[in-house]
Protein backbone atom coordinates (compact mmCIF):
# COMPACT_ATOMS: atom_id res chain seq x y z
CA MET A 1 -45.61 -10.99 -22.04
CA ALA A 2 -44.35 -13.30 -19.35
CA PRO A 3 -46.95 -15.10 -17.38
CA SER A 4 -47.15 -13.88 -13.80
CA HIS A 5 -46.87 -16.57 -11.27
CA SER A 6 -48.72 -16.10 -8.07
CA ARG A 7 -47.27 -18.19 -5.33
CA ARG A 8 -49.54 -19.55 -2.73
CA SER A 9 -48.18 -20.48 0.63
CA SER A 10 -49.46 -23.73 1.86
CA PRO A 11 -51.25 -23.45 5.23
CA LEU A 12 -49.80 -26.83 6.07
CA LEU A 13 -46.25 -25.56 6.61
CA PRO A 14 -47.03 -23.04 9.43
CA ALA A 15 -49.32 -25.60 11.07
CA LEU A 16 -46.51 -28.17 11.04
CA ALA A 17 -44.07 -25.65 12.52
CA VAL A 18 -46.49 -24.79 15.34
CA GLY A 19 -47.17 -28.47 15.99
CA ALA A 20 -43.46 -29.27 16.14
CA GLY A 21 -42.91 -26.40 18.56
CA LEU A 22 -45.71 -27.61 20.81
CA CYS A 23 -44.31 -31.14 20.77
CA LEU A 24 -40.89 -29.85 21.75
CA LEU A 25 -42.39 -27.88 24.61
CA ARG A 26 -44.47 -30.81 25.77
CA PHE A 27 -41.72 -33.40 25.78
CA SER A 28 -38.78 -31.24 26.82
CA SER A 29 -37.80 -30.12 30.29
CA TRP A 30 -40.17 -27.65 31.94
CA SER A 31 -37.37 -26.06 33.95
CA PHE A 32 -37.57 -22.77 32.08
CA LEU A 33 -41.26 -22.43 32.94
CA ALA A 34 -41.29 -23.43 36.57
CA ALA A 35 -38.15 -22.74 38.54
CA LYS A 36 -37.41 -25.07 41.39
CA PRO A 37 -35.70 -23.74 44.49
CA ALA A 38 -32.05 -24.73 44.63
CA SER A 39 -32.24 -25.97 48.18
CA GLN A 40 -35.09 -25.73 50.62
CA GLY A 41 -32.88 -25.87 53.69
CA ARG A 42 -30.87 -22.86 52.63
CA ALA A 43 -33.92 -20.65 52.08
CA GLU A 44 -35.40 -21.79 55.37
CA HIS A 45 -32.12 -21.05 57.14
CA GLY A 46 -32.12 -17.47 55.80
CA ARG A 47 -35.61 -16.81 57.09
CA THR A 48 -34.72 -18.22 60.48
CA ALA A 49 -31.59 -16.10 60.70
CA MET A 50 -33.53 -12.99 59.76
CA ARG A 51 -36.27 -13.80 62.27
CA GLY A 52 -33.62 -14.30 64.97
CA PHE A 53 -32.01 -10.98 64.06
CA LYS A 54 -35.35 -9.21 64.20
CA GLU A 55 -36.12 -10.58 67.65
CA ASP A 56 -32.65 -9.72 68.94
CA PHE A 57 -32.82 -6.23 67.43
CA GLU A 58 -36.26 -5.57 68.89
CA SER A 59 -35.09 -6.64 72.34
CA TRP A 60 -32.01 -4.40 72.03
CA ARG A 61 -34.13 -1.51 70.84
CA SER A 62 -36.56 -1.91 73.73
CA SER A 63 -33.60 -1.66 76.14
CA LEU A 64 -32.91 1.91 74.97
CA THR A 65 -34.19 4.76 77.10
CA PRO A 66 -36.55 7.29 75.45
CA GLU A 67 -33.70 9.85 75.34
CA GLU A 68 -31.39 7.36 73.63
CA ARG A 69 -34.09 6.44 71.10
CA LYS A 70 -34.67 10.10 70.32
CA MET A 71 -30.92 10.68 69.93
CA VAL A 72 -30.54 7.71 67.56
CA GLN A 73 -33.58 8.81 65.56
CA ASN A 74 -32.30 12.39 65.27
CA GLN A 75 -28.86 11.15 64.18
CA ALA A 76 -30.40 8.88 61.56
CA THR A 77 -32.66 11.65 60.27
CA GLY A 78 -29.83 14.22 60.08
CA GLU A 79 -27.26 11.84 58.61
CA TYR A 80 -27.12 13.70 55.28
CA ASN A 81 -27.59 17.19 56.69
CA LYS A 82 -24.23 18.95 56.56
CA LYS A 83 -25.20 21.44 59.27
CA PHE A 84 -26.38 18.68 61.62
CA ARG A 85 -23.21 16.64 61.07
CA LYS A 86 -21.15 19.57 62.35
CA SER A 87 -23.26 19.89 65.50
CA PRO A 88 -22.21 18.32 68.82
CA GLU A 89 -25.45 16.31 68.89
CA PHE A 90 -24.28 14.24 65.93
CA SER A 91 -21.06 13.18 67.64
CA LYS A 92 -22.82 11.82 70.76
CA ASN A 93 -22.68 8.06 71.20
CA LEU A 94 -24.69 5.47 73.03
CA PRO A 95 -23.19 3.95 76.18
CA ASP A 96 -20.49 1.34 75.50
CA GLU A 97 -22.54 -1.58 76.87
CA LYS A 98 -25.35 -0.89 74.41
CA LEU A 99 -22.94 -0.50 71.51
CA LYS A 100 -21.27 -3.80 72.41
CA SER A 101 -24.60 -5.62 72.65
CA PHE A 102 -25.60 -4.22 69.25
CA ALA A 103 -22.24 -5.29 67.83
CA ASN A 104 -22.90 -8.82 69.13
CA ILE A 105 -26.31 -8.88 67.44
CA LEU A 106 -24.81 -7.73 64.13
CA GLY A 107 -21.93 -10.18 64.46
CA LYS A 108 -24.35 -13.07 64.95
CA PHE A 109 -26.34 -11.98 61.91
CA PHE A 110 -23.27 -11.66 59.69
CA ASP A 111 -21.96 -15.04 60.85
CA THR A 112 -25.19 -16.79 59.88
CA GLU A 113 -25.25 -14.97 56.55
CA ALA A 114 -21.61 -15.88 55.85
CA ALA A 115 -22.48 -19.53 56.41
CA ASP A 116 -24.94 -19.31 53.52
CA TYR A 117 -22.27 -18.10 51.13
């Protein structure tokens, strides 16, 4: 009969592996744990552009008459309704001056966004 060998794992080896891992974490770069923003100015610029767009959009929206607001809301609500899209109400447009002012607001927003990229 061959003697059976029972192997015992030393508790020292796993403890050393854990200790080495902790040392590597402690003395290595912490960049994977705490991300730093790439550039503060860029993030701040995006918020400012969005805030400017919001103010411009709100002022444009307040210039609409109640009938125009209702028309825009109905068109937005019925955008995916096939029956509504065939109706004459869907093909109505806002006056040209209001469309141009809205186009200017969007153009300003896209220009500031394009500067970020």
